[in-house]
C-alpha cells in the first residue's frame, strides 16, 4: 500500500510559478498511473495531468496544457508538478493520486492560492 504526501503549495501572484511534489512511500510508483487533481472552492475534483509509468504517456487537461508539466523522479520516488503562468482560476487544493490498476490512493492535498 502506497502513502502519498504533497508539498509545495502556497500563495503566488497571477503569472507566477509553483512546483508541487508528491512523495510516495510504502511502494515504488514504477507500475502506477499517477495524476494530479485540483478541487476548487465549491467544485468537485478535476483531473489536471496524469502520467503512466507503464508506457511513459502523459495527459494534460486543456485548462493547463502548455503551462503545467508533470515529471517523475524514480530515485526519489516522487512525482512533481511544475506550474507556470498561474491564474486565479488555478486556486484550489491539489491532490496527488496513484493507482496501480485496481485502487485509488490519495494524498492529503496542498493548498494553492493565486492572488495579487
C-alpha atoms as a PDB file:
ATOM      1  CA  UNK A   1       0.000   0.000   0.000  1.00  0.00           C
ATOM      2  CA  UNK A   2       1.386   3.365  -1.018  1.00  0.00           C
ATOM      3  CA  UNK A   3       1.240   6.534   1.064  1.00  0.00           C
ATOM      4  CA  UNK A   4       1.333   9.911  -0.669  1.00  0.00           C
ATOM      5  CA  UNK A   5       2.344  13.281   0.747  1.00  0.00           C
ATOM      6  CA  UNK A   6       2.053  16.502  -1.248  1.00  0.00           C
ATOM      7  CA  UNK A   7       4.099  19.628  -0.637  1.00  0.00           C
ATOM      8  CA  UNK A   8       4.948  22.908  -2.298  1.00  0.00           C
ATOM      9  CA  UNK A   9       1.650  24.749  -2.200  1.00  0.00           C
ATOM     10  CA  UNK A  10       1.319  28.370  -1.185  1.00  0.00           C
ATOM     11  CA  UNK A  11       0.300  31.875  -2.199  1.00  0.00           C
ATOM     12  CA  UNK A  12       1.532  33.163  -5.545  1.00  0.00           C
ATOM     13  CA  UNK A  13       0.575  36.209  -7.647  1.00  0.00           C
ATOM     14  CA  UNK A  14      -1.001  35.793 -11.080  1.00  0.00           C
ATOM     15  CA  UNK A  15       1.626  34.900 -13.648  1.00  0.00           C
ATOM     16  CA  UNK A  16       3.817  33.266 -11.034  1.00  0.00           C
ATOM     17  CA  UNK A  17       5.054  29.698 -10.710  1.00  0.00           C
ATOM     18  CA  UNK A  18       4.942  26.922  -8.158  1.00  0.00           C
ATOM     19  CA  UNK A  19       6.337  23.435  -8.054  1.00  0.00           C
ATOM     20  CA  UNK A  20       4.361  20.775  -6.234  1.00  0.00           C
ATOM     21  CA  UNK A  21       5.856  17.490  -5.166  1.00  0.00           C
ATOM     22  CA  UNK A  22       4.186  14.190  -4.332  1.00  0.00           C
ATOM     23  CA  UNK A  23       6.372  11.882  -2.266  1.00  0.00           C
ATOM     24  CA  UNK A  24       5.446   8.213  -2.173  1.00  0.00           C
ATOM     25  CA  UNK A  25       6.328   5.669   0.494  1.00  0.00           C
ATOM     26  CA  UNK A  26       5.405   2.068   1.096  1.00  0.00           C
ATOM     27  CA  UNK A  27       5.701   1.175  -2.570  1.00  0.00           C
ATOM     28  CA  UNK A  28       7.503   2.261  -5.670  1.00  0.00           C
ATOM     29  CA  UNK A  29       5.438   4.168  -8.221  1.00  0.00           C
ATOM     30  CA  UNK A  30       7.028   2.258 -11.070  1.00  0.00           C
ATOM     31  CA  UNK A  31       3.818   0.469 -12.022  1.00  0.00           C
ATOM     32  CA  UNK A  32       1.299   3.121 -11.080  1.00  0.00           C
ATOM     33  CA  UNK A  33      -0.746   5.617 -13.004  1.00  0.00           C
ATOM     34  CA  UNK A  34      -0.081   8.895 -11.197  1.00  0.00           C
ATOM     35  CA  UNK A  35      -2.188  12.006 -11.512  1.00  0.00           C
ATOM     36  CA  UNK A  36      -2.679  15.456 -10.074  1.00  0.00           C
ATOM     37  CA  UNK A  37      -6.189  16.655  -9.294  1.00  0.00           C
ATOM     38  CA  UNK A  38      -7.441  20.060  -8.263  1.00  0.00           C
ATOM     39  CA  UNK A  39     -10.505  20.885  -6.217  1.00  0.00           C
ATOM     40  CA  UNK A  40     -11.575  24.499  -6.378  1.00  0.00           C
ATOM     41  CA  UNK A  41     -13.950  26.162  -3.922  1.00  0.00           C
ATOM     42  CA  UNK A  42     -17.405  24.614  -4.255  1.00  0.00           C
ATOM     43  CA  UNK A  43     -16.268  22.313  -7.043  1.00  0.00           C
ATOM     44  CA  UNK A  44     -15.586  18.619  -7.437  1.00  0.00           C
ATOM     45  CA  UNK A  45     -12.103  17.207  -8.088  1.00  0.00           C
ATOM     46  CA  UNK A  46     -10.767  17.891 -11.566  1.00  0.00           C
ATOM     47  CA  UNK A  47      -8.028  15.783 -13.113  1.00  0.00           C
ATOM     48  CA  UNK A  48      -5.320  18.062 -14.468  1.00  0.00           C
ATOM     49  CA  UNK A  49      -2.495  15.802 -15.543  1.00  0.00           C
ATOM     50  CA  UNK A  50      -1.609  12.143 -15.393  1.00  0.00           C
ATOM     51  CA  UNK A  51       1.435  10.005 -16.070  1.00  0.00           C
ATOM     52  CA  UNK A  52       1.523   6.309 -16.826  1.00  0.00           C
ATOM     53  CA  UNK A  53       4.602   4.546 -15.509  1.00  0.00           C
ATOM     54  CA  UNK A  54       3.862   1.595 -17.804  1.00  0.00           C
ATOM     55  CA  UNK A  55       4.451   3.423 -21.077  1.00  0.00           C
ATOM     56  CA  UNK A  56       5.518   6.929 -20.044  1.00  0.00           C
ATOM     57  CA  UNK A  57       2.463   8.526 -21.626  1.00  0.00           C
ATOM     58  CA  UNK A  58       1.042  11.750 -20.250  1.00  0.00           C
ATOM     59  CA  UNK A  59      -2.296  13.530 -20.396  1.00  0.00           C
ATOM     60  CA  UNK A  60      -2.954  17.220 -19.788  1.00  0.00           C
ATOM     61  CA  UNK A  61      -6.344  18.837 -19.391  1.00  0.00           C
ATOM     62  CA  UNK A  62      -6.928  21.716 -21.812  1.00  0.00           C
ATOM     63  CA  UNK A  63      -7.071  24.162 -18.920  1.00  0.00           C
ATOM     64  CA  UNK A  64      -3.408  23.525 -18.022  1.00  0.00           C
ATOM     65  CA  UNK A  65      -1.865  22.369 -21.292  1.00  0.00           C
ATOM     66  CA  UNK A  66       1.272  24.368 -22.059  1.00  0.00           C
ATOM     67  CA  UNK A  67       1.504  25.730 -18.510  1.00  0.00           C
ATOM     68  CA  UNK A  68       1.809  22.651 -16.278  1.00  0.00           C
ATOM     69  CA  UNK A  69       4.353  19.858 -16.568  1.00  0.00           C
ATOM     70  CA  UNK A  70       4.385  16.551 -14.724  1.00  0.00           C
ATOM     71  CA  UNK A  71       7.686  14.813 -14.042  1.00  0.00           C
ATOM     72  CA  UNK A  72       8.761  11.627 -12.342  1.00  0.00           C
ATOM     73  CA  UNK A  73      11.889  11.138 -10.217  1.00  0.00           C
ATOM     74  CA  UNK A  74      12.452   7.397  -9.981  1.00  0.00           C
ATOM     75  CA  UNK A  75      15.293   7.644  -7.450  1.00  0.00           C
ATOM     76  CA  UNK A  76      13.306   9.829  -5.057  1.00  0.00           C
ATOM     77  CA  UNK A  77      10.010   8.051  -5.801  1.00  0.00           C
ATOM     78  CA  UNK A  78       8.291  11.386  -6.332  1.00  0.00           C
ATOM     79  CA  UNK A  79       6.052  12.963  -8.931  1.00  0.00           C
ATOM     80  CA  UNK A  80       6.326  16.713  -9.362  1.00  0.00           C
ATOM     81  CA  UNK A  81       4.012  19.235 -10.956  1.00  0.00           C
ATOM     82  CA  UNK A  82       5.626  22.377 -12.340  1.00  0.00           C
ATOM     83  CA  UNK A  83       3.019  25.094 -12.691  1.00  0.00           C
ATOM     84  CA  UNK A  84       3.771  28.239 -14.674  1.00  0.00           C
ATOM     85  CA  UNK A  85       1.728  31.278 -15.722  1.00  0.00           C
ATOM     86  CA  UNK A  86      -0.655  30.677 -12.854  1.00  0.00           C
ATOM     87  CA  UNK A  87      -4.111  32.237 -12.926  1.00  0.00           C
ATOM     88  CA  UNK A  88      -6.602  32.917 -10.139  1.00  0.00           C
ATOM     89  CA  UNK A  89      -8.735  30.044 -11.500  1.00  0.00           C
ATOM     90  CA  UNK A  90      -5.861  27.696 -10.693  1.00  0.00           C
ATOM     91  CA  UNK A  91      -6.531  28.219  -6.986  1.00  0.00           C
ATOM     92  CA  UNK A  92      -7.647  25.198  -5.020  1.00  0.00           C
ATOM     93  CA  UNK A  93      -6.447  22.153  -3.167  1.00  0.00           C
ATOM     94  CA  UNK A  94      -4.134  19.998  -5.239  1.00  0.00           C
ATOM     95  CA  UNK A  95      -4.165  16.255  -4.665  1.00  0.00           C
ATOM     96  CA  UNK A  96      -1.793  13.560  -5.802  1.00  0.00           C
ATOM     97  CA  UNK A  97      -3.419  10.304  -6.911  1.00  0.00           C
ATOM     98  CA  UNK A  98      -1.798   6.930  -7.607  1.00  0.00           C
ATOM     99  CA  UNK A  99      -3.497   3.860  -8.996  1.00  0.00           C
ATOM    100  CA  UNK A 100      -1.812   0.507  -9.689  1.00  0.00           C
ATOM    101  CA  UNK A 101      -4.838  -0.595 -11.694  1.00  0.00           C
ATOM    102  CA  UNK A 102      -7.335  -1.592  -9.056  1.00  0.00           C
ATOM    103  CA  UNK A 103      -7.416   1.064  -6.328  1.00  0.00           C
ATOM    104  CA  UNK A 104      -7.037   4.795  -5.902  1.00  0.00           C
ATOM    105  CA  UNK A 105      -4.629   6.192  -3.331  1.00  0.00           C
ATOM    106  CA  UNK A 106      -4.743   9.861  -2.389  1.00  0.00           C
ATOM    107  CA  UNK A 107      -2.569  12.316  -0.535  1.00  0.00           C
ATOM    108  CA  UNK A 108      -3.930  14.853   1.930  1.00  0.00           C
ATOM    109  CA  UNK A 109      -3.673  17.738  -0.531  1.00  0.00           C
ATOM    110  CA  UNK A 110      -1.812  21.027  -0.626  1.00  0.00           C
ATOM    111  CA  UNK A 111      -3.421  24.453  -0.979  1.00  0.00           C
ATOM    112  CA  UNK A 112      -2.555  26.702  -3.906  1.00  0.00           C
ATOM    113  CA  UNK A 113      -3.828  30.268  -3.914  1.00  0.00           C
ATOM    114  CA  UNK A 114      -3.240  32.552  -6.878  1.00  0.00           C
ATOM    115  CA  UNK A 115      -3.977  36.116  -5.881  1.00  0.00           C
ATOM    116  CA  UNK A 116      -2.362  39.581  -6.176  1.00  0.00           C
END
